[in-house]
């Protein structure tokens, strides 16, 4: 007998892996951009000897339109790769999100 009591409906979306390089003073702006676009930061570390941070994040593909130009405004240099599917935690039918 299998137990499926905790199965719920979820929506998955194709996600971009975003790797970027930014300075410490621009970290807040970068995190704000990721939060506005339902991004999830999975890795962040300081590069020894230089004033830069390396950030890796996942962002739903549909929310990544215009992401490169938004990151350029806060002087972040980015690379993108579409490589996974992820569960959307927010309500995609909510017009306010």
PDB file of N, CA and C in Angstrom:
ATOM      1  N   UNK A   1       0.842  -1.181   0.000  1.00  0.00           N
ATOM      2  CA  UNK A   1       0.000   0.000   0.000  1.00  0.00           C
ATOM      3  C   UNK A   1       0.886   1.243   0.000  1.00  0.00           C
ATOM      4  N   UNK A   2       0.630   2.144  -0.947  1.00  0.00           N
ATOM      5  CA  UNK A   2       1.410   3.375  -1.008  1.00  0.00           C
ATOM      6  C   UNK A   2       0.668   4.496  -0.309  1.00  0.00           C
ATOM      7  N   UNK A   3       1.430   5.449   0.159  1.00  0.00           N
ATOM      8  CA  UNK A   3       0.861   6.559   0.914  1.00  0.00           C
ATOM      9  C   UNK A   3       1.105   7.846   0.142  1.00  0.00           C
ATOM     10  N   UNK A   4       0.050   8.450  -0.392  1.00  0.00           N
ATOM     11  CA  UNK A   4       0.156   9.689  -1.156  1.00  0.00           C
ATOM     12  C   UNK A   4      -0.578  10.837  -0.465  1.00  0.00           C
ATOM     13  N   UNK A   5      -0.587  10.868   0.825  1.00  0.00           N
ATOM     14  CA  UNK A   5      -1.330  11.898   1.548  1.00  0.00           C
ATOM     15  C   UNK A   5      -0.776  13.296   1.328  1.00  0.00           C
ATOM     16  N   UNK A   6       0.509  13.417   1.052  1.00  0.00           N
ATOM     17  CA  UNK A   6       1.131  14.728   0.983  1.00  0.00           C
ATOM     18  C   UNK A   6       1.379  15.214  -0.445  1.00  0.00           C
ATOM     19  N   UNK A   7       0.733  14.594  -1.394  1.00  0.00           N
ATOM     20  CA  UNK A   7       0.886  15.013  -2.777  1.00  0.00           C
ATOM     21  C   UNK A   7       0.041  16.261  -3.005  1.00  0.00           C
ATOM     22  N   UNK A   8       0.653  17.288  -3.601  1.00  0.00           N
ATOM     23  CA  UNK A   8      -0.067  18.518  -3.921  1.00  0.00           C
ATOM     24  C   UNK A   8       0.213  18.880  -5.375  1.00  0.00           C
ATOM     25  N   UNK A   9      -0.623  19.725  -5.912  1.00  0.00           N
ATOM     26  CA  UNK A   9      -0.415  20.214  -7.267  1.00  0.00           C
ATOM     27  C   UNK A   9       0.662  21.295  -7.240  1.00  0.00           C
ATOM     28  N   UNK A  10       1.592  21.215  -8.158  1.00  0.00           N
ATOM     29  CA  UNK A  10       2.637  22.230  -8.278  1.00  0.00           C
ATOM     30  C   UNK A  10       2.788  22.615  -9.740  1.00  0.00           C
ATOM     31  N   UNK A  11       3.347  23.776  -9.972  1.00  0.00           N
ATOM     32  CA  UNK A  11       3.647  24.230 -11.319  1.00  0.00           C
ATOM     33  C   UNK A  11       5.164  24.323 -11.433  1.00  0.00           C
ATOM     34  N   UNK A  12       5.691  23.739 -12.493  1.00  0.00           N
ATOM     35  CA  UNK A  12       7.131  23.806 -12.717  1.00  0.00           C
ATOM     36  C   UNK A  12       7.400  24.670 -13.942  1.00  0.00           C
ATOM     37  N   UNK A  13       8.567  25.288 -13.958  1.00  0.00           N
ATOM     38  CA  UNK A  13       8.959  26.134 -15.079  1.00  0.00           C
ATOM     39  C   UNK A  13      10.422  25.904 -15.388  1.00  0.00           C
ATOM     40  N   UNK A  14      10.765  26.112 -16.641  1.00  0.00           N
ATOM     41  CA  UNK A  14      12.156  26.031 -17.048  1.00  0.00           C
ATOM     42  C   UNK A  14      12.917  27.181 -16.379  1.00  0.00           C
ATOM     43  N   UNK A  15      14.107  26.910 -15.874  1.00  0.00           N
ATOM     44  CA  UNK A  15      14.866  27.927 -15.154  1.00  0.00           C
ATOM     45  C   UNK A  15      16.234  28.140 -15.759  1.00  0.00           C
ATOM     46  N   UNK A  16      16.688  29.378 -15.682  1.00  0.00           N
ATOM     47  CA  UNK A  16      18.027  29.739 -16.101  1.00  0.00           C
ATOM     48  C   UNK A  16      18.954  29.715 -14.903  1.00  0.00           C
ATOM     49  N   UNK A  17      20.144  29.195 -15.104  1.00  0.00           N
ATOM     50  CA  UNK A  17      21.192  29.364 -14.113  1.00  0.00           C
ATOM     51  C   UNK A  17      21.918  30.644 -14.475  1.00  0.00           C
ATOM     52  N   UNK A  18      22.017  31.541 -13.527  1.00  0.00           N
ATOM     53  CA  UNK A  18      22.669  32.819 -13.737  1.00  0.00           C
ATOM     54  C   UNK A  18      23.915  32.867 -12.871  1.00  0.00           C
ATOM     55  N   UNK A  19      25.048  33.072 -13.490  1.00  0.00           N
ATOM     56  CA  UNK A  19      26.299  33.242 -12.756  1.00  0.00           C
ATOM     57  C   UNK A  19      26.774  34.652 -13.030  1.00  0.00           C
ATOM     58  N   UNK A  20      27.076  35.382 -11.966  1.00  0.00           N
ATOM     59  CA  UNK A  20      27.505  36.751 -12.190  1.00  0.00           C
ATOM     60  C   UNK A  20      28.602  37.169 -11.244  1.00  0.00           C
ATOM     61  N   UNK A  21      29.248  38.253 -11.627  1.00  0.00           N
ATOM     62  CA  UNK A  21      30.345  38.838 -10.886  1.00  0.00           C
ATOM     63  C   UNK A  21      29.973  40.280 -10.609  1.00  0.00           C
ATOM     64  N   UNK A  22      30.010  40.676  -9.340  1.00  0.00           N
ATOM     65  CA  UNK A  22      29.653  42.045  -8.982  1.00  0.00           C
ATOM     66  C   UNK A  22      30.468  42.504  -7.784  1.00  0.00           C
ATOM     67  N   UNK A  23      30.524  43.810  -7.600  1.00  0.00           N
ATOM     68  CA  UNK A  23      31.262  44.358  -6.463  1.00  0.00           C
ATOM     69  C   UNK A  23      30.388  44.355  -5.212  1.00  0.00           C
ATOM     70  N   UNK A  24      31.031  44.539  -4.076  1.00  0.00           N
ATOM     71  CA  UNK A  24      30.314  44.481  -2.797  1.00  0.00           C
ATOM     72  C   UNK A  24      29.257  45.568  -2.674  1.00  0.00           C
ATOM     73  N   UNK A  25      29.525  46.773  -3.180  1.00  0.00           N
ATOM     74  CA  UNK A  25      28.554  47.863  -3.045  1.00  0.00           C
ATOM     75  C   UNK A  25      27.316  47.663  -3.911  1.00  0.00           C
ATOM     76  N   UNK A  26      27.364  46.746  -4.882  1.00  0.00           N
ATOM     77  CA  UNK A  26      26.206  46.481  -5.740  1.00  0.00           C
ATOM     78  C   UNK A  26      25.425  45.240  -5.339  1.00  0.00           C
ATOM     79  N   UNK A  27      25.819  44.586  -4.265  1.00  0.00           N
ATOM     80  CA  UNK A  27      25.152  43.343  -3.847  1.00  0.00           C
ATOM     81  C   UNK A  27      23.673  43.553  -3.553  1.00  0.00           C
ATOM     82  N   UNK A  28      23.319  44.619  -2.873  1.00  0.00           N
ATOM     83  CA  UNK A  28      21.916  44.867  -2.519  1.00  0.00           C
ATOM     84  C   UNK A  28      21.070  45.042  -3.780  1.00  0.00           C
ATOM     85  N   UNK A  29      21.579  45.776  -4.754  1.00  0.00           N
ATOM     86  CA  UNK A  29      20.834  45.984  -6.001  1.00  0.00           C
ATOM     87  C   UNK A  29      20.645  44.675  -6.757  1.00  0.00           C
ATOM     88  N   UNK A  30      21.667  43.828  -6.780  1.00  0.00           N
ATOM     89  CA  UNK A  30      21.572  42.533  -7.454  1.00  0.00           C
ATOM     90  C   UNK A  30      20.526  41.656  -6.770  1.00  0.00           C
ATOM     91  N   UNK A  31      20.547  41.595  -5.428  1.00  0.00           N
ATOM     92  CA  UNK A  31      19.559  40.794  -4.700  1.00  0.00           C
ATOM     93  C   UNK A  31      18.146  41.328  -4.921  1.00  0.00           C
ATOM     94  N   UNK A  32      17.981  42.640  -5.012  1.00  0.00           N
ATOM     95  CA  UNK A  32      16.659  43.205  -5.290  1.00  0.00           C
ATOM     96  C   UNK A  32      16.150  42.770  -6.663  1.00  0.00           C
ATOM     97  N   UNK A  33      17.028  42.744  -7.645  1.00  0.00           N
ATOM     98  CA  UNK A  33      16.640  42.299  -8.985  1.00  0.00           C
ATOM     99  C   UNK A  33      16.228  40.830  -8.954  1.00  0.00           C
ATOM    100  N   UNK A  34      16.995  39.996  -8.244  1.00  0.00           N
ATOM    101  CA  UNK A  34      16.635  38.579  -8.144  1.00  0.00           C
ATOM    102  C   UNK A  34      15.297  38.396  -7.437  1.00  0.00           C
ATOM    103  N   UNK A  35      15.042  39.139  -6.380  1.00  0.00           N
ATOM    104  CA  UNK A  35      13.775  39.014  -5.656  1.00  0.00           C
ATOM    105  C   UNK A  35      12.592  39.440  -6.514  1.00  0.00           C
ATOM    106  N   UNK A  36      12.744  40.488  -7.303  1.00  0.00           N
ATOM    107  CA  UNK A  36      11.659  40.941  -8.176  1.00  0.00           C
ATOM    108  C   UNK A  36      11.332  39.913  -9.249  1.00  0.00           C
ATOM    109  N   UNK A  37      12.289  39.087  -9.599  1.00  0.00           N
ATOM    110  CA  UNK A  37      12.113  38.121 -10.687  1.00  0.00           C
ATOM    111  C   UNK A  37      12.017  36.681 -10.190  1.00  0.00           C
ATOM    112  N   UNK A  38      11.641  36.476  -8.952  1.00  0.00           N
ATOM    113  CA  UNK A  38      11.451  35.153  -8.343  1.00  0.00           C
ATOM    114  C   UNK A  38      12.740  34.340  -8.349  1.00  0.00           C
ATOM    115  N   UNK A  39      13.872  35.011  -8.272  1.00  0.00           N
ATOM    116  CA  UNK A  39      15.158  34.320  -8.301  1.00  0.00           C
ATOM    117  C   UNK A  39      15.512  33.706  -6.959  1.00  0.00           C
ATOM    118  N   UNK A  40      16.311  32.660  -7.010  1.00  0.00           N
ATOM    119  CA  UNK A  40      16.792  31.982  -5.812  1.00  0.00           C
ATOM    120  C   UNK A  40      18.316  31.930  -5.870  1.00  0.00           C
ATOM    121  N   UNK A  41      18.974  32.618  -4.945  1.00  0.00           N
ATOM    122  CA  UNK A  41      20.432  32.587  -4.885  1.00  0.00           C
ATOM    123  C   UNK A  41      20.848  31.285  -4.209  1.00  0.00           C
ATOM    124  N   UNK A  42      21.702  30.515  -4.886  1.00  0.00           N
ATOM    125  CA  UNK A  42      22.120  29.227  -4.353  1.00  0.00           C
ATOM    126  C   UNK A  42      23.590  29.224  -3.936  1.00  0.00           C
ATOM    127  N   UNK A  43      24.345  30.229  -4.375  1.00  0.00           N
ATOM    128  CA  UNK A  43      25.758  30.266  -4.041  1.00  0.00           C
ATOM    129  C   UNK A  43      26.254  31.704  -4.098  1.00  0.00           C
ATOM    130  N   UNK A  44      27.078  32.061  -3.124  1.00  0.00           N
ATOM    131  CA  UNK A  44      27.687  33.388  -3.097  1.00  0.00           C
ATOM    132  C   UNK A  44      29.020  33.270  -2.377  1.00  0.00           C
ATOM    133  N   UNK A  45      30.061  33.781  -2.983  1.00  0.00           N
ATOM    134  CA  UNK A  45      31.351  33.784  -2.290  1.00  0.00           C
ATOM    135  C   UNK A  45      32.217  34.938  -2.776  1.00  0.00           C
ATOM    136  N   UNK A  46      33.074  35.392  -1.883  1.00  0.00           N
ATOM    137  CA  UNK A  46      34.012  36.476  -2.163  1.00  0.00           C
ATOM    138  C   UNK A  46      35.241  35.901  -2.845  1.00  0.00           C
ATOM    139  N   UNK A  47      35.711  36.575  -3.861  1.00  0.00           N
ATOM    140  CA  UNK A  47      36.920  36.149  -4.561  1.00  0.00           C
ATOM    141  C   UNK A  47      38.108  36.781  -3.849  1.00  0.00           C
ATOM    142  N   UNK A  48      38.999  35.981  -3.274  1.00  0.00           N
ATOM    143  CA  UNK A  48      40.131  36.529  -2.513  1.00  0.00           C
ATOM    144  C   UNK A  48      41.047  37.399  -3.377  1.00  0.00           C
ATOM    145  N   UNK A  49      41.444  38.519  -2.821  1.00  0.00           N
ATOM    146  CA  UNK A  49      42.385  39.405  -3.485  1.00  0.00           C
ATOM    147  C   UNK A  49      41.765  40.464  -4.376  1.00  0.00           C
ATOM    148  N   UNK A  50      40.483  40.353  -4.661  1.00  0.00           N
ATOM    149  CA  UNK A  50      39.798  41.354  -5.487  1.00  0.00           C
ATOM    150  C   UNK A  50      38.478  41.737  -4.810  1.00  0.00           C
ATOM    151  N   UNK A  51      37.957  42.935  -5.076  1.00  0.00           N
ATOM    152  CA  UNK A  51      36.721  43.368  -4.399  1.00  0.00           C
ATOM    153  C   UNK A  51      35.446  42.893  -5.093  1.00  0.00           C
ATOM    154  N   UNK A  52      35.423  41.632  -5.534  1.00  0.00           N
ATOM    155  CA  UNK A  52      34.265  41.121  -6.254  1.00  0.00           C
ATOM    156  C   UNK A  52      33.682  39.883  -5.575  1.00  0.00           C
ATOM    157  N   UNK A  53      32.392  39.686  -5.829  1.00  0.00           N
ATOM    158  CA  UNK A  53      31.676  38.505  -5.357  1.00  0.00           C
ATOM    159  C   UNK A  53      31.164  37.726  -6.555  1.00  0.00           C
ATOM    160  N   UNK A  54      31.169  36.420  -6.430  1.00  0.00           N
ATOM    161  CA  UNK A  54      30.596  35.521  -7.432  1.00  0.00           C
ATOM    162  C   UNK A  54      29.251  35.063  -6.884  1.00  0.00           C
ATOM    163  N   UNK A  55      28.188  35.180  -7.684  1.00  0.00           N
ATOM    164  CA  UNK A  55      26.839  34.789  -7.265  1.00  0.00           C
ATOM    165  C   UNK A  55      26.274  33.821  -8.302  1.00  0.00           C
ATOM    166  N   UNK A  56      25.646  32.754  -7.823  1.00  0.00           N
ATOM    167  CA  UNK A  56      24.944  31.809  -8.691  1.00  0.00           C
ATOM    168  C   UNK A  56      23.489  31.779  -8.242  1.00  0.00           C
ATOM    169  N   UNK A  57      22.566  31.924  -9.196  1.00  0.00           N
ATOM    170  CA  UNK A  57      21.142  31.963  -8.869  1.00  0.00           C
ATOM    171  C   UNK A  57      20.339  31.251  -9.947  1.00  0.00           C
ATOM    172  N   UNK A  58      19.143  30.816  -9.565  1.00  0.00           N
ATOM    173  CA  UNK A  58      18.185  30.236 -10.498  1.00  0.00           C
ATOM    174  C   UNK A  58      17.038  31.221 -10.675  1.00  0.00           C
ATOM    175  N   UNK A  59      16.647  31.463 -11.930  1.00  0.00           N
ATOM    176  CA  UNK A  59      15.566  32.391 -12.234  1.00  0.00           C
ATOM    177  C   UNK A  59      14.667  31.733 -13.276  1.00  0.00           C
ATOM    178  N   UNK A  60      13.327  31.749 -13.073  1.00  0.00           N
ATOM    179  CA  UNK A  60      12.433  31.198 -14.088  1.00  0.00           C
ATOM    180  C   UNK A  60      12.651  31.883 -15.435  1.00  0.00           C
ATOM    181  N   UNK A  61      12.625  31.106 -16.486  1.00  0.00           N
ATOM    182  CA  UNK A  61      12.914  31.612 -17.824  1.00  0.00           C
ATOM    183  C   UNK A  61      11.993  32.771 -18.208  1.00  0.00           C
ATOM    184  N   UNK A  62      10.720  32.671 -17.871  1.00  0.00           N
ATOM    185  CA  UNK A  62       9.776  33.734 -18.247  1.00  0.00           C
ATOM    186  C   UNK A  62      10.056  35.039 -17.513  1.00  0.00           C
ATOM    187  N   UNK A  63      10.704  34.984 -16.364  1.00  0.00           N
ATOM    188  CA  UNK A  63      11.039  36.187 -15.613  1.00  0.00           C
ATOM    189  C   UNK A  63      12.429  36.725 -15.960  1.00  0.00           C
ATOM    190  N   UNK A  64      13.132  36.042 -16.864  1.00  0.00           N
ATOM    191  CA  UNK A  64      14.497  36.453 -17.176  1.00  0.00           C
ATOM    192  C   UNK A  64      14.577  37.419 -18.356  1.00  0.00           C
ATOM    193  N   UNK A  65      13.456  37.744 -18.960  1.00  0.00           N
ATOM    194  CA  UNK A  65      13.460  38.682 -20.079  1.00  0.00           C
ATOM    195  C   UNK A  65      13.868  40.054 -19.561  1.00  0.00           C
ATOM    196  N   UNK A  66      14.910  40.613 -20.133  1.00  0.00           N
ATOM    197  CA  UNK A  66      15.426  41.906 -19.699  1.00  0.00           C
ATOM    198  C   UNK A  66      16.356  41.831 -18.502  1.00  0.00           C
ATOM    199  N   UNK A  67      16.662  40.627 -18.043  1.00  0.00           N
ATOM    200  CA  UNK A  67      17.517  40.472 -16.860  1.00  0.00           C
ATOM    201  C   UNK A  67      18.925  40.996 -17.110  1.00  0.00           C
ATOM    202  N   UNK A  68      19.474  40.725 -18.268  1.00  0.00           N
ATOM    203  CA  UNK A  68      20.838  41.157 -18.571  1.00  0.00           C
ATOM    204  C   UNK A  68      20.966  42.677 -18.498  1.00  0.00           C
ATOM    205  N   UNK A  69      20.019  43.392 -19.078  1.00  0.00           N
ATOM    206  CA  UNK A  69      20.080  44.855 -19.033  1.00  0.00           C
ATOM    207  C   UNK A  69      19.832  45.383 -17.622  1.00  0.00           C
ATOM    208  N   UNK A  70      18.990  44.699 -16.848  1.00  0.00           N
ATOM    209  CA  UNK A  70      18.765  45.120 -15.462  1.00  0.00           C
ATOM    210  C   UNK A  70      20.033  44.945 -14.625  1.00  0.00           C
ATOM    211  N   UNK A  71      20.760  43.858 -14.871  1.00  0.00           N
ATOM    212  CA  UNK A  71      22.002  43.628 -14.123  1.00  0.00           C
ATOM    213  C   UNK A  71      23.107  44.589 -14.542  1.00  0.00           C
ATOM    214  N   UNK A  72      23.084  45.039 -15.789  1.00  0.00           N
ATOM    215  CA  UNK A  72      24.085  46.007 -16.240  1.00  0.00           C
ATOM    216  C   UNK A  72      23.940  47.344 -15.520  1.00  0.00           C
ATOM    217  N   UNK A  73      22.716  47.681 -15.105  1.00  0.00           N
ATOM    218  CA  UNK A  73      22.516  48.947 -14.400  1.00  0.00           C
ATOM    219  C   UNK A  73      23.225  48.959 -13.053  1.00  0.00           C
ATOM    220  N   UNK A  74      23.449  47.794 -12.471  1.00  0.00           N
ATOM    221  CA  UNK A  74      24.175  47.724 -11.198  1.00  0.00           C
ATOM    222  C   UNK A  74      25.567  47.128 -11.398  1.00  0.00           C
ATOM    223  N   UNK A  75      26.085  47.245 -12.614  1.00  0.00           N
ATOM    224  CA  UNK A  75      27.455  46.851 -12.946  1.00  0.00           C
ATOM    225  C   UNK A  75      27.780  45.408 -12.559  1.00  0.00           C
ATOM    226  N   UNK A  76      26.868  44.504 -12.895  1.00  0.00           N
ATOM    227  CA  UNK A  76      27.095  43.080 -12.663  1.00  0.00           C
ATOM    228  C   UNK A  76      27.297  42.403 -14.014  1.00  0.00           C
ATOM    229  N   UNK A  77      28.309  41.587 -14.129  1.00  0.00           N
ATOM    230  CA  UNK A  77      28.629  40.888 -15.363  1.00  0.00           C
ATOM    231  C   UNK A  77      28.098  39.465 -15.254  1.00  0.00           C
ATOM    232  N   UNK A  78      27.261  39.058 -16.204  1.00  0.00           N
ATOM    233  CA  UNK A  78      26.532  37.798 -16.030  1.00  0.00           C
ATOM    234  C   UNK A  78      26.706  36.844 -17.201  1.00  0.00           C
ATOM    235  N   UNK A  79      26.470  35.552 -16.894  1.00  0.00           N
ATOM    236  CA  UNK A  79      26.390  34.480 -17.878  1.00  0.00           C
ATOM    237  C   UNK A  79      25.132  33.693 -17.569  1.00  0.00           C
ATOM    238  N   UNK A  80      24.446  33.225 -18.618  1.00  0.00           N
ATOM    239  CA  UNK A  80      23.200  32.498 -18.439  1.00  0.00           C
ATOM    240  C   UNK A  80      23.271  31.128 -19.094  1.00  0.00           C
ATOM    241  N   UNK A  81      22.554  30.182 -18.501  1.00  0.00           N
ATOM    242  CA  UNK A  81      22.466  28.836 -19.056  1.00  0.00           C
ATOM    243  C   UNK A  81      21.113  28.244 -18.647  1.00  0.00           C
ATOM    244  N   UNK A  82      20.337  27.754 -19.616  1.00  0.00           N
ATOM    245  CA  UNK A  82      19.059  27.105 -19.307  1.00  0.00           C
ATOM    246  C   UNK A  82      19.358  25.639 -19.037  1.00  0.00           C
ATOM    247  N   UNK A  83      19.113  25.201 -17.797  1.00  0.00           N
ATOM    248  CA  UNK A  83      19.546  23.837 -17.494  1.00  0.00           C
ATOM    249  C   UNK A  83      18.684  23.056 -16.527  1.00  0.00           C
ATOM    250  N   UNK A  84      17.548  23.568 -16.098  1.00  0.00           N
ATOM    251  CA  UNK A  84      16.781  22.794 -15.123  1.00  0.00           C
ATOM    252  C   UNK A  84      15.328  23.213 -15.112  1.00  0.00           C
ATOM    253  N   UNK A  85      14.527  22.374 -14.470  1.00  0.00           N
ATOM    254  CA  UNK A  85      13.130  22.683 -14.192  1.00  0.00           C
ATOM    255  C   UNK A  85      13.011  22.907 -12.702  1.00  0.00           C
ATOM    256  N   UNK A  86      12.195  23.866 -12.297  1.00  0.00           N
ATOM    257  CA  UNK A  86      12.032  24.147 -10.882  1.00  0.00           C
ATOM    258  C   UNK A  86      10.589  24.453 -10.546  1.00  0.00           C
ATOM    259  N   UNK A  87      10.216  24.199  -9.320  1.00  0.00           N
ATOM    260  CA  UNK A  87       8.859  24.461  -8.837  1.00  0.00           C
ATOM    261  C   UNK A  87       8.696  25.956  -8.612  1.00  0.00           C
ATOM    262  N   UNK A  88       7.595  26.519  -9.091  1.00  0.00           N
ATOM    263  CA  UNK A  88       7.286  27.925  -8.865  1.00  0.00           C
ATOM    264  C   UNK A  88       6.548  28.029  -7.534  1.00  0.00           C
ATOM    265  N   UNK A  89       7.146  28.730  -6.600  1.00  0.00           N
ATOM    266  CA  UNK A  89       6.543  28.867  -5.266  1.00  0.00           C
ATOM    267  C   UNK A  89       5.442  29.926  -5.250  1.00  0.00           C
ATOM    268  N   UNK A  90       5.578  30.976  -6.053  1.00  0.00           N
ATOM    269  CA  UNK A  90       4.599  32.049  -6.083  1.00  0.00           C
ATOM    270  C   UNK A  90       3.394  31.625  -6.915  1.00  0.00           C
ATOM    271  N   UNK A  91       2.293  32.343  -6.755  1.00  0.00           N
ATOM    272  CA  UNK A  91       1.094  32.071  -7.527  1.00  0.00           C
ATOM    273  C   UNK A  91       1.235  32.732  -8.897  1.00  0.00           C
ATOM    274  N   UNK A  92       1.381  31.963  -9.970  1.00  0.00           N
ATOM    275  CA  UNK A  92       1.576  32.575 -11.286  1.00  0.00           C
ATOM    276  C   UNK A  92       0.331  33.270 -11.817  1.00  0.00           C
ATOM    277  N   UNK A  93      -0.821  33.042 -11.188  1.00  0.00           N
ATOM    278  CA  UNK A  93      -2.058  33.657 -11.617  1.00  0.00           C
ATOM    279  C   UNK A  93      -2.378  34.929 -10.852  1.00  0.00           C
ATOM    280  N   UNK A  94      -1.513  35.305  -9.909  1.00  0.00           N
ATOM    281  CA  UNK A  94      -1.699  36.538  -9.141  1.00  0.00           C
ATOM    282  C   UNK A  94      -1.152  37.701  -9.954  1.00  0.00           C
ATOM    283  N   UNK A  95      -1.990  38.656 -10.280  1.00  0.00           N
ATOM    284  CA  UNK A  95      -1.576  39.784 -11.117  1.00  0.00           C
ATOM    285  C   UNK A  95      -0.623  40.730 -10.403  1.00  0.00           C
ATOM    286  N   UNK A  96      -0.576  40.701  -9.083  1.00  0.00           N
ATOM    287  CA  UNK A  96       0.277  41.621  -8.325  1.00  0.00           C
ATOM    288  C   UNK A  96       1.709  41.151  -8.183  1.00  0.00           C
ATOM    289  N   UNK A  97       2.002  39.894  -8.560  1.00  0.00           N
ATOM    290  CA  UNK A  97       3.370  39.390  -8.366  1.00  0.00           C
ATOM    291  C   UNK A  97       4.186  39.522  -9.626  1.00  0.00           C
TER     292      UNK A  97
END
